[in-house]
Amino acid sequence: MSNDTFAGIEKLESDLWEAADNLRANSKLTSSDYFMPVLGVIFLRHAANRFEAAHRQIEADQASGKMPKRKVLPEKARYDWIVQQAAVGGADLPRLVTEAMTAIEAEFEPLLGVLPKDYGVFETKVLEDLMRQFNSKQVKQATGDVFGRIYEYFLAKFSIQKAHDN
């Protein structure tokens, strides 16, 4: 892992946390109310990044018969598709994110009943702002190591926030 991997990570973490904390600030929610949904957005972005990085290889493996021909990540579970639908169609973003989590669980049995699906508690604009932050060029190019660090940063921040809530 090179130093370039984590270049600017502190600012990125801070910016992402600020966007996530707006969910709390612009609602009557506590950190325990939005903890899992925010981590779910991180999961969706990470899954999208991994899918994009592997997409061409997956198609080649499927064409050669090395991998079953099934959708690896349902379209409605893809981060960019969700953001696009919300932008062009004025679709209900909380519903789209909830449906994405349900679609992922339907395709991947180990995740069944695990992913958060309570996005309806958020104002659409606040959730859109959060998702837009996680759709930045820097986050789109992030690797697993960066997501691991962001995840740990968020866990620490949520712990502090929960202490303040109590």
C-alpha atoms as a PDB file:
ATOM      1  CA  MET A   1       0.000   0.000   0.000  1.00  0.00           C
ATOM      2  CA  SER A   2       1.570   3.277  -1.085  1.00  0.00           C
ATOM      3  CA  ASN A   3       1.406   6.665   0.574  1.00  0.00           C
ATOM      4  CA  ASP A   4      -0.533   7.869  -2.487  1.00  0.00           C
ATOM      5  CA  THR A   5      -3.363   5.550  -1.443  1.00  0.00           C
ATOM      6  CA  PHE A   6      -4.012   7.706   1.611  1.00  0.00           C
ATOM      7  CA  ALA A   7      -3.125  11.111   0.130  1.00  0.00           C
ATOM      8  CA  GLY A   8      -5.646  13.619   1.437  1.00  0.00           C
ATOM      9  CA  ILE A   9      -7.508  10.968   3.442  1.00  0.00           C
ATOM     10  CA  GLU A  10      -7.920  13.172   6.526  1.00  0.00           C
ATOM     11  CA  LYS A  11      -9.736  15.869   4.520  1.00  0.00           C
ATOM     12  CA  LEU A  12     -11.829  13.242   2.739  1.00  0.00           C
ATOM     13  CA  GLU A  13     -12.815  11.620   6.041  1.00  0.00           C
ATOM     14  CA  SER A  14     -13.706  15.003   7.495  1.00  0.00           C
ATOM     15  CA  ASP A  15     -15.776  16.018   4.452  1.00  0.00           C
ATOM     16  CA  LEU A  16     -17.627  12.701   4.391  1.00  0.00           C
ATOM     17  CA  TRP A  17     -18.302  12.864   8.126  1.00  0.00           C
ATOM     18  CA  GLU A  18     -19.625  16.415   7.792  1.00  0.00           C
ATOM     19  CA  ALA A  19     -22.067  15.236   5.119  1.00  0.00           C
ATOM     20  CA  ALA A  20     -23.141  12.288   7.273  1.00  0.00           C
ATOM     21  CA  ASP A  21     -23.505  14.460  10.353  1.00  0.00           C
ATOM     22  CA  ASN A  22     -25.876  16.709   8.394  1.00  0.00           C
ATOM     23  CA  LEU A  23     -28.347  13.823   8.567  1.00  0.00           C
ATOM     24  CA  ARG A  24     -28.432  14.286  12.320  1.00  0.00           C
ATOM     25  CA  ALA A  25     -28.272  18.070  12.266  1.00  0.00           C
ATOM     26  CA  ASN A  26     -31.112  18.399   9.752  1.00  0.00           C
ATOM     27  CA  SER A  27     -33.406  15.940  11.455  1.00  0.00           C
ATOM     28  CA  LYS A  28     -34.525  14.820  14.875  1.00  0.00           C
ATOM     29  CA  LEU A  29     -32.490  11.645  14.559  1.00  0.00           C
ATOM     30  CA  THR A  30     -29.871  10.445  16.998  1.00  0.00           C
ATOM     31  CA  SER A  31     -26.608   8.860  15.939  1.00  0.00           C
ATOM     32  CA  SER A  32     -28.088   5.422  16.638  1.00  0.00           C
ATOM     33  CA  ASP A  33     -30.901   6.214  14.151  1.00  0.00           C
ATOM     34  CA  TYR A  34     -28.615   7.032  11.262  1.00  0.00           C
ATOM     35  CA  PHE A  35     -25.523   4.972  12.132  1.00  0.00           C
ATOM     36  CA  MET A  36     -26.431   1.877  10.059  1.00  0.00           C
ATOM     37  CA  PRO A  37     -27.919   3.751   7.081  1.00  0.00           C
ATOM     38  CA  VAL A  38     -24.771   5.855   6.733  1.00  0.00           C
ATOM     39  CA  LEU A  39     -22.582   2.752   6.917  1.00  0.00           C
ATOM     40  CA  GLY A  40     -24.919   1.272   4.293  1.00  0.00           C
ATOM     41  CA  VAL A  41     -24.127   4.170   1.928  1.00  0.00           C
ATOM     42  CA  ILE A  42     -20.417   3.486   2.490  1.00  0.00           C
ATOM     43  CA  PHE A  43     -21.083  -0.185   1.669  1.00  0.00           C
ATOM     44  CA  LEU A  44     -22.951   0.718  -1.549  1.00  0.00           C
ATOM     45  CA  ARG A  45     -20.130   2.999  -2.730  1.00  0.00           C
ATOM     46  CA  HIS A  46     -17.503   0.368  -1.930  1.00  0.00           C
ATOM     47  CA  ALA A  47     -19.508  -2.326  -3.750  1.00  0.00           C
ATOM     48  CA  ALA A  48     -19.856  -0.038  -6.767  1.00  0.00           C
ATOM     49  CA  ASN A  49     -16.116   0.653  -6.831  1.00  0.00           C
ATOM     50  CA  ARG A  50     -15.257  -3.038  -6.602  1.00  0.00           C
ATOM     51  CA  PHE A  51     -17.800  -3.880  -9.298  1.00  0.00           C
ATOM     52  CA  GLU A  52     -16.464  -1.219 -11.677  1.00  0.00           C
ATOM     53  CA  ALA A  53     -12.887  -2.398 -11.129  1.00  0.00           C
ATOM     54  CA  ALA A  54     -13.818  -6.016 -11.876  1.00  0.00           C
ATOM     55  CA  HIS A  55     -16.577  -5.529 -14.478  1.00  0.00           C
ATOM     56  CA  ARG A  56     -14.527  -6.206 -17.628  1.00  0.00           C
ATOM     57  CA  GLN A  57     -12.896  -9.287 -16.108  1.00  0.00           C
ATOM     58  CA  ILE A  58     -16.286 -10.590 -15.003  1.00  0.00           C
ATOM     59  CA  GLU A  59     -17.672 -10.194 -18.525  1.00  0.00           C
ATOM     60  CA  ALA A  60     -14.636 -11.961 -20.005  1.00  0.00           C
ATOM     61  CA  ASP A  61     -14.929 -14.810 -17.484  1.00  0.00           C
ATOM     62  CA  GLN A  62     -18.626 -15.177 -18.213  1.00  0.00           C
ATOM     63  CA  ALA A  63     -18.021 -15.186 -21.975  1.00  0.00           C
ATOM     64  CA  SER A  64     -15.368 -17.911 -21.598  1.00  0.00           C
ATOM     65  CA  GLY A  65     -17.576 -20.003 -19.299  1.00  0.00           C
ATOM     66  CA  LYS A  66     -15.370 -19.566 -16.220  1.00  0.00           C
ATOM     67  CA  MET A  67     -18.181 -17.812 -14.359  1.00  0.00           C
ATOM     68  CA  PRO A  68     -21.940 -18.336 -14.435  1.00  0.00           C
ATOM     69  CA  LYS A  69     -23.859 -15.861 -16.561  1.00  0.00           C
ATOM     70  CA  ARG A  70     -25.788 -14.030 -13.916  1.00  0.00           C
ATOM     71  CA  LYS A  71     -25.841 -10.410 -12.872  1.00  0.00           C
ATOM     72  CA  VAL A  72     -23.110  -9.878 -10.350  1.00  0.00           C
ATOM     73  CA  LEU A  73     -24.572  -6.646  -9.004  1.00  0.00           C
ATOM     74  CA  PRO A  74     -28.189  -5.851  -9.905  1.00  0.00           C
ATOM     75  CA  GLU A  75     -28.484  -2.584 -11.823  1.00  0.00           C
ATOM     76  CA  LYS A  76     -30.840  -1.048  -9.277  1.00  0.00           C
ATOM     77  CA  ALA A  77     -28.208  -1.741  -6.606  1.00  0.00           C
ATOM     78  CA  ARG A  78     -25.500   0.220  -8.412  1.00  0.00           C
ATOM     79  CA  TYR A  79     -24.576   3.521  -6.815  1.00  0.00           C
ATOM     80  CA  ASP A  80     -24.315   5.467 -10.059  1.00  0.00           C
ATOM     81  CA  TRP A  81     -27.698   4.163 -11.242  1.00  0.00           C
ATOM     82  CA  ILE A  82     -29.351   5.238  -7.980  1.00  0.00           C
ATOM     83  CA  VAL A  83     -27.832   8.725  -8.142  1.00  0.00           C
ATOM     84  CA  GLN A  84     -28.782   9.042 -11.819  1.00  0.00           C
ATOM     85  CA  GLN A  85     -32.392   7.989 -11.204  1.00  0.00           C
ATOM     86  CA  ALA A  86     -32.723  10.481  -8.385  1.00  0.00           C
ATOM     87  CA  ALA A  87     -31.224  13.271 -10.507  1.00  0.00           C
ATOM     88  CA  VAL A  88     -33.122  12.788 -13.769  1.00  0.00           C
ATOM     89  CA  GLY A  89     -36.379  11.296 -12.664  1.00  0.00           C
ATOM     90  CA  GLY A  90     -36.837  13.056  -9.373  1.00  0.00           C
ATOM     91  CA  ALA A  91     -37.308   9.569  -7.946  1.00  0.00           C
ATOM     92  CA  ASP A  92     -37.752   8.934  -4.250  1.00  0.00           C
ATOM     93  CA  LEU A  93     -34.105   8.543  -3.212  1.00  0.00           C
ATOM     94  CA  PRO A  94     -34.761   6.926   0.180  1.00  0.00           C
ATOM     95  CA  ARG A  95     -36.920   4.309  -1.569  1.00  0.00           C
ATOM     96  CA  LEU A  96     -34.239   3.704  -4.233  1.00  0.00           C
ATOM     97  CA  VAL A  97     -31.541   3.120  -1.614  1.00  0.00           C
ATOM     98  CA  THR A  98     -33.823   0.819   0.372  1.00  0.00           C
ATOM     99  CA  GLU A  99     -34.621  -1.145  -2.811  1.00  0.00           C
ATOM    100  CA  ALA A 100     -30.898  -1.377  -3.604  1.00  0.00           C
ATOM    101  CA  MET A 101     -30.218  -2.969  -0.229  1.00  0.00           C
ATOM    102  CA  THR A 102     -33.106  -5.399  -0.743  1.00  0.00           C
ATOM    103  CA  ALA A 103     -31.818  -6.302  -4.234  1.00  0.00           C
ATOM    104  CA  ILE A 104     -28.315  -6.988  -2.919  1.00  0.00           C
ATOM    105  CA  GLU A 105     -29.689  -9.204  -0.158  1.00  0.00           C
ATOM    106  CA  ALA A 106     -31.792 -11.107  -2.696  1.00  0.00           C
ATOM    107  CA  GLU A 107     -28.706 -11.841  -4.814  1.00  0.00           C
ATOM    108  CA  PHE A 108     -26.264 -12.591  -2.006  1.00  0.00           C
ATOM    109  CA  GLU A 109     -27.746 -14.896   0.637  1.00  0.00           C
ATOM    110  CA  PRO A 110     -25.033 -14.235   3.270  1.00  0.00           C
ATOM    111  CA  LEU A 111     -26.251 -10.619   3.407  1.00  0.00           C
ATOM    112  CA  LEU A 112     -29.942 -11.527   3.781  1.00  0.00           C
ATOM    113  CA  GLY A 113     -31.453  -9.495   6.614  1.00  0.00           C
ATOM    114  CA  VAL A 114     -28.167  -7.716   7.354  1.00  0.00           C
ATOM    115  CA  LEU A 115     -28.210  -4.510   5.304  1.00  0.00           C
ATOM    116  CA  PRO A 116     -30.004  -1.394   6.555  1.00  0.00           C
ATOM    117  CA  LYS A 117     -33.300  -0.590   4.878  1.00  0.00           C
ATOM    118  CA  ASP A 118     -34.660   2.295   6.905  1.00  0.00           C
ATOM    119  CA  TYR A 119     -33.774   5.147   4.568  1.00  0.00           C
ATOM    120  CA  GLY A 120     -37.354   6.458   4.606  1.00  0.00           C
ATOM    121  CA  VAL A 121     -36.620   8.292   7.847  1.00  0.00           C
ATOM    122  CA  PHE A 122     -34.367  10.754   5.994  1.00  0.00           C
ATOM    123  CA  GLU A 123     -35.286  13.905   4.142  1.00  0.00           C
ATOM    124  CA  THR A 124     -34.561  13.270   0.457  1.00  0.00           C
ATOM    125  CA  LYS A 125     -32.338  16.359   0.097  1.00  0.00           C
ATOM    126  CA  VAL A 126     -30.168  15.445   3.087  1.00  0.00           C
ATOM    127  CA  LEU A 127     -29.694  11.863   1.845  1.00  0.00           C
ATOM    128  CA  GLU A 128     -28.979  13.198  -1.648  1.00  0.00           C
ATOM    129  CA  ASP A 129     -26.255  15.484  -0.267  1.00  0.00           C
ATOM    130  CA  LEU A 130     -24.661  12.554   1.564  1.00  0.00           C
ATOM    131  CA  MET A 131     -24.755  10.347  -1.514  1.00  0.00           C
ATOM    132  CA  ARG A 132     -23.350  13.143  -3.642  1.00  0.00           C
ATOM    133  CA  GLN A 133     -20.372  13.398  -1.263  1.00  0.00           C
ATOM    134  CA  PHE A 134     -19.791   9.662  -1.622  1.00  0.00           C
ATOM    135  CA  ASN A 135     -19.993  10.061  -5.402  1.00  0.00           C
ATOM    136  CA  SER A 136     -17.024  12.402  -5.647  1.00  0.00           C
ATOM    137  CA  LYS A 137     -14.163  11.515  -7.962  1.00  0.00           C
ATOM    138  CA  GLN A 138     -11.866  10.829  -5.012  1.00  0.00           C
ATOM    139  CA  VAL A 139     -14.308   8.382  -3.408  1.00  0.00           C
ATOM    140  CA  LYS A 140     -15.091   6.721  -6.747  1.00  0.00           C
ATOM    141  CA  GLN A 141     -11.387   5.933  -7.098  1.00  0.00           C
ATOM    142  CA  ALA A 142     -10.966   4.688  -3.525  1.00  0.00           C
ATOM    143  CA  THR A 143      -9.784   1.143  -2.900  1.00  0.00           C
ATOM    144  CA  GLY A 144     -10.637  -1.310  -0.161  1.00  0.00           C
ATOM    145  CA  ASP A 145      -7.866   0.036   2.088  1.00  0.00           C
ATOM    146  CA  VAL A 146      -9.296   3.546   1.887  1.00  0.00           C
ATOM    147  CA  PHE A 147     -12.813   2.280   2.574  1.00  0.00           C
ATOM    148  CA  GLY A 148     -11.516   0.343   5.552  1.00  0.00           C
ATOM    149  CA  ARG A 149     -10.004   3.485   6.973  1.00  0.00           C
ATOM    150  CA  ILE A 150     -13.154   5.540   6.274  1.00  0.00           C
ATOM    151  CA  TYR A 151     -15.258   2.847   7.935  1.00  0.00           C
ATOM    152  CA  GLU A 152     -13.037   2.865  11.034  1.00  0.00           C
ATOM    153  CA  TYR A 153     -13.111   6.677  11.127  1.00  0.00           C
ATOM    154  CA  PHE A 154     -16.905   6.642  10.995  1.00  0.00           C
ATOM    155  CA  LEU A 155     -17.144   4.026  13.753  1.00  0.00           C
ATOM    156  CA  ALA A 156     -14.989   6.209  15.995  1.00  0.00           C
ATOM    157  CA  LYS A 157     -17.009   9.337  15.192  1.00  0.00           C
ATOM    158  CA  PHE A 158     -20.305   7.532  15.764  1.00  0.00           C
ATOM    159  CA  SER A 159     -19.033   6.317  19.140  1.00  0.00           C
ATOM    160  CA  ILE A 160     -18.231   9.875  20.160  1.00  0.00           C
ATOM    161  CA  GLN A 161     -21.582  11.105  18.830  1.00  0.00           C
ATOM    162  CA  LYS A 162     -23.471   8.381  20.679  1.00  0.00           C
ATOM    163  CA  ALA A 163     -21.799   9.435  23.919  1.00  0.00           C
ATOM    164  CA  HIS A 164     -23.010  12.981  23.274  1.00  0.00           C
ATOM    165  CA  ASP A 165     -26.531  11.720  22.490  1.00  0.00           C
ATOM    166  CA  ASN A 166     -26.704   9.981  25.840  1.00  0.00           C
END
